[in-house]
Every structure is written in C-alpha cells, then in structure tokens.
Amino acid sequence: MLASIFYFIVFCPLTCYARDSRAVLIHQLSKKHTQNPFKKLHGLPVSAVFHPTRSIFFISTKKNVRVYDLLKQKLVKKLETGVREISSIAIHPGGDNVMVGSKDGKMCWFDMDLSSQPYKTLKTHPKDITNVAFHRLYPLFASCSEDCTAYVFHGMVYSDLNQNPLIVPLEILRGHTSSDGRGVLDCKFHPRQPWLFTAGADSVIKLFCH
C-alpha cells in the first residue's frame, strides 16, 4: 500500500485470466477507482507488491520481475533472476533493493541502482522457498521453505552508493514438522521487534525471538 494514497492490488495467478491484462488490477480506495495498468502480461503472475514510498509497482512472473512507474504508466526496469521459477518477492524498506525467492531453493538479491542482474544469489534451502521477508526497522531478512526451516540473515544496506550491501547468515530456525510434503508456508517479521513469525503446514504458528 502506498503511503497516504490507499492503493491495493488484486491479482489472479494461474487462472484463465493469467495471461490477460485483467489478471492484475490496482484499486484506489479513496476514489473507488480501478486501474488496469497492463495491456499485456508477459508470463504468469506470481506475486505483486508496491514500493514502500514511491508510485512504483513490482510484479513477478515465473522467470523475472517487472518494475512499473504507475504515474508515468511505463516499464522502468526488468529484473532477470535466472532461477527455475520465482515463488516470492520482498522489497527492502529503503526501496532500492529487492529479494526474490525461488522454487529451486535460491534467493536473489537485487540492488536496482547497480544492475538488472542479481547482486548476489544465495543457495540456501534444499526445497522450494515459500516466502521471503525484510524487517521494517532492523537490517534483517528471512526466507522460509518446504524443508520445514526458516533462515535469518543480516542484510545491511548503506547510504553510500559505492558500498555494496552486506549479507551475513545468522540463524537456521527449526520447529515445524512436514505435512503432506509441505513445510513452512509463510514468514513475517514483527513490525518493531526483531522477532519472526512462521506459519507451517502442520497448522502451527511459531514466534522466534533472539
């Protein structure tokens, strides 16, 4: 949701509309207006998210992430992941770094000021990554997977554009059990505390605190 404007996204992945522009709609709540920003989608939509502070919209298909300027109504960047299939996407609170999770257990960190190619690709999980998340306040990010684990990383982004982001693995969190081959389905950080919530296919939500 964009600050003070109250937009929200509705998208329909893997449906009969998946390659149609109607697969992704943006609603402006204050004006009760629906915007259809894409004449054509190049691939099946997987996830969609707003930039935290600007009128920028990210939509991921199975292979790449397209970045649109909603005010100018145009594509501004295309991020090439090189992974088998994207599963999830998260935007750093600063807005210039993007994390992509994949179904081959890889995470791709993009610094959009540097390149449309990943700054770093991390092979972390032996199974599908189900979600990736950044903390709003702390230099932390996490991934969760069908392998019943969640990984927590230190991810420092510097204001000096000449200094690359610093990525350091911190913890592997366990505690969920597999159910029908499924593991951890989602992970979310607490908005203020350095805590991570995980939701598993075992019907359990766990809170991890340092």
C-alpha atoms as a PDB file:
ATOM      1  CA  MET A   1       0.000   0.000   0.000  1.00  0.00           C
ATOM      2  CA  LEU A   2       1.371   3.430  -0.932  1.00  0.00           C
ATOM      3  CA  ALA A   3       1.540   5.932   1.913  1.00  0.00           C
ATOM      4  CA  SER A   4      -1.456   8.327   2.122  1.00  0.00           C
ATOM      5  CA  ILE A   5      -2.949   7.232  -1.207  1.00  0.00           C
ATOM      6  CA  PHE A   6      -4.529   3.884  -0.217  1.00  0.00           C
ATOM      7  CA  TYR A   7      -3.981   1.615  -3.164  1.00  0.00           C
ATOM      8  CA  PHE A   8      -4.277  -2.137  -3.026  1.00  0.00           C
ATOM      9  CA  ILE A   9      -3.608  -4.907  -5.521  1.00  0.00           C
ATOM     10  CA  VAL A  10      -5.779  -7.770  -6.692  1.00  0.00           C
ATOM     11  CA  PHE A  11      -4.191 -10.353  -8.928  1.00  0.00           C
ATOM     12  CA  CYS A  12      -5.263 -13.767 -10.164  1.00  0.00           C
ATOM     13  CA  PRO A  13      -2.343 -16.147 -10.689  1.00  0.00           C
ATOM     14  CA  LEU A  14      -2.690 -19.345 -12.703  1.00  0.00           C
ATOM     15  CA  THR A  15      -6.270 -18.735 -13.827  1.00  0.00           C
ATOM     16  CA  CYS A  16      -7.968 -18.408 -17.177  1.00  0.00           C
ATOM     17  CA  TYR A  17      -7.080 -14.678 -16.992  1.00  0.00           C
ATOM     18  CA  ALA A  18      -3.409 -15.311 -16.151  1.00  0.00           C
ATOM     19  CA  ARG A  19      -2.080 -14.029 -19.486  1.00  0.00           C
ATOM     20  CA  ASP A  20      -4.751 -11.348 -19.718  1.00  0.00           C
ATOM     21  CA  SER A  21      -4.345  -7.775 -18.505  1.00  0.00           C
ATOM     22  CA  ARG A  22      -7.291  -8.398 -16.133  1.00  0.00           C
ATOM     23  CA  ALA A  23      -5.087 -10.734 -14.093  1.00  0.00           C
ATOM     24  CA  VAL A  24      -3.667  -7.700 -12.232  1.00  0.00           C
ATOM     25  CA  LEU A  25      -5.852  -4.810 -11.081  1.00  0.00           C
ATOM     26  CA  ILE A  26      -4.961  -1.857  -8.851  1.00  0.00           C
ATOM     27  CA  HIS A  27      -7.732  -0.291  -6.777  1.00  0.00           C
ATOM     28  CA  GLN A  28      -7.600   3.257  -5.396  1.00  0.00           C
ATOM     29  CA  LEU A  29      -9.776   3.053  -2.308  1.00  0.00           C
ATOM     30  CA  SER A  30     -10.239   6.791  -1.694  1.00  0.00           C
ATOM     31  CA  LYS A  31     -11.634   7.403  -5.198  1.00  0.00           C
ATOM     32  CA  LYS A  32     -13.279   3.986  -5.644  1.00  0.00           C
ATOM     33  CA  HIS A  33     -11.348   3.679  -8.872  1.00  0.00           C
ATOM     34  CA  THR A  34      -9.907   0.555 -10.511  1.00  0.00           C
ATOM     35  CA  GLN A  35      -6.831   0.803 -12.703  1.00  0.00           C
ATOM     36  CA  ASN A  36      -5.804  -1.781 -15.283  1.00  0.00           C
ATOM     37  CA  PRO A  37      -2.141  -0.836 -15.855  1.00  0.00           C
ATOM     38  CA  PHE A  38      -1.065  -3.633 -18.196  1.00  0.00           C
ATOM     39  CA  LYS A  39      -2.176  -4.088 -21.777  1.00  0.00           C
ATOM     40  CA  LYS A  40      -0.457  -7.471 -21.819  1.00  0.00           C
ATOM     41  CA  LEU A  41       1.323  -9.628 -19.263  1.00  0.00           C
ATOM     42  CA  HIS A  42       4.451 -11.451 -20.357  1.00  0.00           C
ATOM     43  CA  GLY A  43       4.118 -14.658 -18.355  1.00  0.00           C
ATOM     44  CA  LEU A  44       2.040 -15.980 -15.474  1.00  0.00           C
ATOM     45  CA  PRO A  45       1.831 -13.587 -12.476  1.00  0.00           C
ATOM     46  CA  VAL A  46       3.195 -14.988  -9.211  1.00  0.00           C
ATOM     47  CA  SER A  47       3.353 -12.029  -6.817  1.00  0.00           C
ATOM     48  CA  ALA A  48       2.807  -8.283  -6.796  1.00  0.00           C
ATOM     49  CA  VAL A  49       3.920  -5.578  -4.348  1.00  0.00           C
ATOM     50  CA  PHE A  50       4.212  -1.782  -4.090  1.00  0.00           C
ATOM     51  CA  HIS A  51       7.379   0.216  -3.497  1.00  0.00           C
ATOM     52  CA  PRO A  52       7.333   1.365   0.172  1.00  0.00           C
ATOM     53  CA  THR A  53       7.460   5.112  -0.593  1.00  0.00           C
ATOM     54  CA  ARG A  54       7.112   5.753  -4.345  1.00  0.00           C
ATOM     55  CA  SER A  55       4.494   5.103  -7.018  1.00  0.00           C
ATOM     56  CA  ILE A  56       6.423   2.053  -8.202  1.00  0.00           C
ATOM     57  CA  PHE A  57       4.831  -1.350  -8.680  1.00  0.00           C
ATOM     58  CA  PHE A  58       6.634  -4.697  -8.835  1.00  0.00           C
ATOM     59  CA  ILE A  59       5.086  -7.741 -10.436  1.00  0.00           C
ATOM     60  CA  SER A  60       6.870 -11.070 -10.685  1.00  0.00           C
ATOM     61  CA  THR A  61       6.181 -13.791 -13.186  1.00  0.00           C
ATOM     62  CA  LYS A  62       7.777 -17.224 -13.027  1.00  0.00           C
ATOM     63  CA  LYS A  63      11.054 -16.004 -14.565  1.00  0.00           C
ATOM     64  CA  ASN A  64      11.509 -12.275 -13.925  1.00  0.00           C
ATOM     65  CA  VAL A  65      10.331  -9.169 -12.091  1.00  0.00           C
ATOM     66  CA  ARG A  66       8.952  -6.173 -13.947  1.00  0.00           C
ATOM     67  CA  VAL A  67       9.064  -2.746 -12.321  1.00  0.00           C
ATOM     68  CA  TYR A  68       6.480  -0.157 -13.399  1.00  0.00           C
ATOM     69  CA  ASP A  69       6.093   3.539 -12.706  1.00  0.00           C
ATOM     70  CA  LEU A  70       2.376   3.978 -12.055  1.00  0.00           C
ATOM     71  CA  LEU A  71       2.389   7.751 -12.590  1.00  0.00           C
ATOM     72  CA  LYS A  72       4.240   7.593 -15.905  1.00  0.00           C
ATOM     73  CA  GLN A  73       2.436   4.383 -16.859  1.00  0.00           C
ATOM     74  CA  LYS A  74       5.562   2.713 -18.185  1.00  0.00           C
ATOM     75  CA  LEU A  75       8.015  -0.096 -17.529  1.00  0.00           C
ATOM     76  CA  VAL A  76      11.182   1.228 -15.866  1.00  0.00           C
ATOM     77  CA  LYS A  77      13.171  -1.964 -15.227  1.00  0.00           C
ATOM     78  CA  LYS A  78      13.121  -5.702 -15.754  1.00  0.00           C
ATOM     79  CA  LEU A  79      14.985  -7.858 -13.227  1.00  0.00           C
ATOM     80  CA  GLU A  80      16.372 -11.112 -14.634  1.00  0.00           C
ATOM     81  CA  THR A  81      16.603 -13.801 -11.953  1.00  0.00           C
ATOM     82  CA  GLY A  82      17.986 -16.834 -13.774  1.00  0.00           C
ATOM     83  CA  VAL A  83      16.073 -19.164 -11.401  1.00  0.00           C
ATOM     84  CA  ARG A  84      13.817 -22.042 -12.385  1.00  0.00           C
ATOM     85  CA  GLU A  85      10.645 -20.455 -11.017  1.00  0.00           C
ATOM     86  CA  ILE A  86      10.002 -17.448  -8.766  1.00  0.00           C
ATOM     87  CA  SER A  87       7.895 -18.125  -5.680  1.00  0.00           C
ATOM     88  CA  SER A  88       8.006 -14.845  -3.722  1.00  0.00           C
ATOM     89  CA  ILE A  89       9.309 -11.294  -3.648  1.00  0.00           C
ATOM     90  CA  ALA A  90      10.081  -8.695  -0.955  1.00  0.00           C
ATOM     91  CA  ILE A  91      11.150  -5.045  -1.178  1.00  0.00           C
ATOM     92  CA  HIS A  92      13.683  -3.575   1.248  1.00  0.00           C
ATOM     93  CA  PRO A  93      12.214  -0.682   3.303  1.00  0.00           C
ATOM     94  CA  GLY A  94      14.656   1.666   1.558  1.00  0.00           C
ATOM     95  CA  GLY A  95      13.077   0.729  -1.754  1.00  0.00           C
ATOM     96  CA  ASP A  96      16.217   0.167  -3.843  1.00  0.00           C
ATOM     97  CA  ASN A  97      16.870  -3.478  -3.020  1.00  0.00           C
ATOM     98  CA  VAL A  98      14.702  -6.465  -3.930  1.00  0.00           C
ATOM     99  CA  MET A  99      14.783 -10.044  -2.672  1.00  0.00           C
ATOM    100  CA  VAL A 100      13.368 -12.866  -4.793  1.00  0.00           C
ATOM    101  CA  GLY A 101      12.748 -16.426  -3.576  1.00  0.00           C
ATOM    102  CA  SER A 102      12.539 -19.379  -5.934  1.00  0.00           C
ATOM    103  CA  LYS A 103      11.269 -22.938  -6.162  1.00  0.00           C
ATOM    104  CA  ASP A 104      14.800 -24.272  -6.546  1.00  0.00           C
ATOM    105  CA  GLY A 105      15.809 -23.072  -3.076  1.00  0.00           C
ATOM    106  CA  LYS A 106      17.654 -19.940  -4.213  1.00  0.00           C
ATOM    107  CA  MET A 107      17.353 -16.309  -3.157  1.00  0.00           C
ATOM    108  CA  CYS A 108      18.381 -13.480  -5.473  1.00  0.00           C
ATOM    109  CA  TRP A 109      19.285 -10.079  -4.005  1.00  0.00           C
ATOM    110  CA  PHE A 110      18.963  -7.199  -6.475  1.00  0.00           C
ATOM    111  CA  ASP A 111      20.451  -3.755  -5.979  1.00  0.00           C
ATOM    112  CA  MET A 112      18.436  -1.815  -8.550  1.00  0.00           C
ATOM    113  CA  ASP A 113      20.980   1.020  -8.606  1.00  0.00           C
ATOM    114  CA  LEU A 114      23.617  -1.437  -9.824  1.00  0.00           C
ATOM    115  CA  SER A 115      22.096  -3.822 -12.331  1.00  0.00           C
ATOM    116  CA  SER A 116      19.081  -5.766 -13.538  1.00  0.00           C
ATOM    117  CA  GLN A 117      21.059  -8.925 -12.730  1.00  0.00           C
ATOM    118  CA  PRO A 118      21.290 -10.262  -9.136  1.00  0.00           C
ATOM    119  CA  TYR A 119      23.938  -8.655  -6.941  1.00  0.00           C
ATOM    120  CA  LYS A 120      24.097 -11.967  -5.076  1.00  0.00           C
ATOM    121  CA  THR A 121      22.401 -15.362  -5.429  1.00  0.00           C
ATOM    122  CA  LEU A 122      22.195 -17.490  -2.287  1.00  0.00           C
ATOM    123  CA  LYS A 123      21.541 -21.229  -2.443  1.00  0.00           C
ATOM    124  CA  THR A 124      20.027 -21.771   0.981  1.00  0.00           C
ATOM    125  CA  HIS A 125      17.256 -24.364   1.019  1.00  0.00           C
ATOM    126  CA  PRO A 126      17.175 -27.871  -0.483  1.00  0.00           C
ATOM    127  CA  LYS A 127      13.444 -27.463  -1.256  1.00  0.00           C
ATOM    128  CA  ASP A 128      11.127 -24.714  -2.514  1.00  0.00           C
ATOM    129  CA  ILE A 129      11.294 -21.313  -0.853  1.00  0.00           C
ATOM    130  CA  THR A 130       7.745 -20.307   0.038  1.00  0.00           C
ATOM    131  CA  ASN A 131       8.329 -16.709   1.125  1.00  0.00           C
ATOM    132  CA  VAL A 132      10.978 -14.052   1.735  1.00  0.00           C
ATOM    133  CA  ALA A 133      10.655 -11.033   4.032  1.00  0.00           C
ATOM    134  CA  PHE A 134      12.552  -7.907   5.136  1.00  0.00           C
ATOM    135  CA  HIS A 135      12.268  -6.341   8.579  1.00  0.00           C
ATOM    136  CA  ARG A 136      10.949  -2.770   8.525  1.00  0.00           C
ATOM    137  CA  LEU A 137      13.437  -1.397  11.086  1.00  0.00           C
ATOM    138  CA  TYR A 138      16.298  -3.849  11.619  1.00  0.00           C
ATOM    139  CA  PRO A 139      18.864  -4.950   8.989  1.00  0.00           C
ATOM    140  CA  LEU A 140      17.313  -8.420   8.842  1.00  0.00           C
ATOM    141  CA  PHE A 141      15.737 -10.566   6.179  1.00  0.00           C
ATOM    142  CA  ALA A 142      14.434 -14.120   6.177  1.00  0.00           C
ATOM    143  CA  SER A 143      13.318 -16.974   3.986  1.00  0.00           C
ATOM    144  CA  CYS A 144      11.132 -19.998   4.701  1.00  0.00           C
ATOM    145  CA  SER A 145      10.837 -23.259   2.858  1.00  0.00           C
ATOM    146  CA  GLU A 146       9.120 -26.568   2.294  1.00  0.00           C
ATOM    147  CA  ASP A 147      12.133 -28.111   4.096  1.00  0.00           C
ATOM    148  CA  CYS A 148      10.497 -27.041   7.431  1.00  0.00           C
ATOM    149  CA  THR A 149      13.122 -24.373   8.183  1.00  0.00           C
ATOM    150  CA  ALA A 150      13.416 -20.598   8.113  1.00  0.00           C
ATOM    151  CA  TYR A 151      16.744 -18.828   7.563  1.00  0.00           C
ATOM    152  CA  VAL A 152      17.507 -15.422   9.071  1.00  0.00           C
ATOM    153  CA  PHE A 153      20.182 -13.129   7.611  1.00  0.00           C
ATOM    154  CA  HIS A 154      21.790  -9.825   8.484  1.00  0.00           C
ATOM    155  CA  GLY A 155      21.359  -7.579   5.437  1.00  0.00           C
ATOM    156  CA  MET A 156      22.868  -4.124   5.776  1.00  0.00           C
ATOM    157  CA  VAL A 157      22.161  -1.542   3.073  1.00  0.00           C
ATOM    158  CA  TYR A 158      24.429   1.522   3.172  1.00  0.00           C
ATOM    159  CA  SER A 159      23.575   5.102   2.242  1.00  0.00           C
ATOM    160  CA  ASP A 160      26.904   5.293   0.389  1.00  0.00           C
ATOM    161  CA  LEU A 161      26.047   4.108  -3.133  1.00  0.00           C
ATOM    162  CA  ASN A 162      29.651   2.979  -3.650  1.00  0.00           C
ATOM    163  CA  GLN A 163      29.356   0.450  -0.834  1.00  0.00           C
ATOM    164  CA  ASN A 164      27.686  -2.871  -1.645  1.00  0.00           C
ATOM    165  CA  PRO A 165      25.074  -4.401   0.691  1.00  0.00           C
ATOM    166  CA  LEU A 166      26.493  -6.650   3.416  1.00  0.00           C
ATOM    167  CA  ILE A 167      24.808 -10.073   3.690  1.00  0.00           C
ATOM    168  CA  VAL A 168      25.653 -12.421   6.598  1.00  0.00           C
ATOM    169  CA  PRO A 169      23.800 -15.666   7.546  1.00  0.00           C
ATOM    170  CA  LEU A 170      22.658 -15.629  11.187  1.00  0.00           C
ATOM    171  CA  GLU A 171      20.314 -18.456  12.162  1.00  0.00           C
ATOM    172  CA  ILE A 172      18.548 -21.558  10.857  1.00  0.00           C
ATOM    173  CA  LEU A 173      15.202 -21.859  12.647  1.00  0.00           C
ATOM    174  CA  ARG A 174      13.569 -25.260  13.064  1.00  0.00           C
ATOM    175  CA  GLY A 175      10.469 -26.457  14.870  1.00  0.00           C
ATOM    176  CA  HIS A 176       7.833 -27.247  12.252  1.00  0.00           C
ATOM    177  CA  THR A 177       7.008 -30.754  11.049  1.00  0.00           C
ATOM    178  CA  SER A 178       6.170 -31.771   7.494  1.00  0.00           C
ATOM    179  CA  SER A 179       2.546 -32.345   6.495  1.00  0.00           C
ATOM    180  CA  ASP A 180       1.797 -33.926   3.117  1.00  0.00           C
ATOM    181  CA  GLY A 181       5.265 -32.897   1.977  1.00  0.00           C
ATOM    182  CA  ARG A 182       4.684 -29.266   2.924  1.00  0.00           C
ATOM    183  CA  GLY A 183       6.844 -27.360   5.394  1.00  0.00           C
ATOM    184  CA  VAL A 184       6.865 -23.684   6.407  1.00  0.00           C
ATOM    185  CA  LEU A 185       4.293 -21.839   4.301  1.00  0.00           C
ATOM    186  CA  ASP A 186       4.951 -18.225   5.317  1.00  0.00           C
ATOM    187  CA  CYS A 187       7.152 -15.983   7.453  1.00  0.00           C
ATOM    188  CA  LYS A 188       6.669 -12.417   8.665  1.00  0.00           C
ATOM    189  CA  PHE A 189       8.707 -10.095  10.889  1.00  0.00           C
ATOM    190  CA  HIS A 190       7.197  -8.209  13.807  1.00  0.00           C
ATOM    191  CA  PRO A 191       6.898  -4.523  12.767  1.00  0.00           C
ATOM    192  CA  ARG A 192       9.041  -3.244  15.683  1.00  0.00           C
ATOM    193  CA  GLN A 193      10.766  -6.135  17.455  1.00  0.00           C
ATOM    194  CA  PRO A 194      13.461  -8.430  15.964  1.00  0.00           C
ATOM    195  CA  TRP A 195      11.007 -11.336  16.043  1.00  0.00           C
ATOM    196  CA  LEU A 196       9.996 -13.708  13.250  1.00  0.00           C
ATOM    197  CA  PHE A 197       6.632 -15.459  12.913  1.00  0.00           C
ATOM    198  CA  THR A 198       6.422 -18.648  10.837  1.00  0.00           C
ATOM    199  CA  ALA A 199       3.288 -20.498   9.728  1.00  0.00           C
ATOM    200  CA  GLY A 200       3.596 -24.188   8.912  1.00  0.00           C
ATOM    201  CA  ALA A 201       1.600 -26.813   7.067  1.00  0.00           C
ATOM    202  CA  ASP A 202       1.455 -28.569  10.457  1.00  0.00           C
ATOM    203  CA  SER A 203      -1.200 -25.958  11.445  1.00  0.00           C
ATOM    204  CA  VAL A 204       1.194 -24.277  13.894  1.00  0.00           C
ATOM    205  CA  ILE A 205       2.331 -20.634  14.054  1.00  0.00           C
ATOM    206  CA  LYS A 206       5.646 -20.147  15.834  1.00  0.00           C
ATOM    207  CA  LEU A 207       7.290 -16.971  17.157  1.00  0.00           C
ATOM    208  CA  PHE A 208      11.098 -16.902  17.203  1.00  0.00           C
ATOM    209  CA  CYS A 209      12.816 -14.328  19.420  1.00  0.00           C
ATOM    210  CA  HIS A 210      16.536 -13.763  19.723  1.00  0.00           C
END
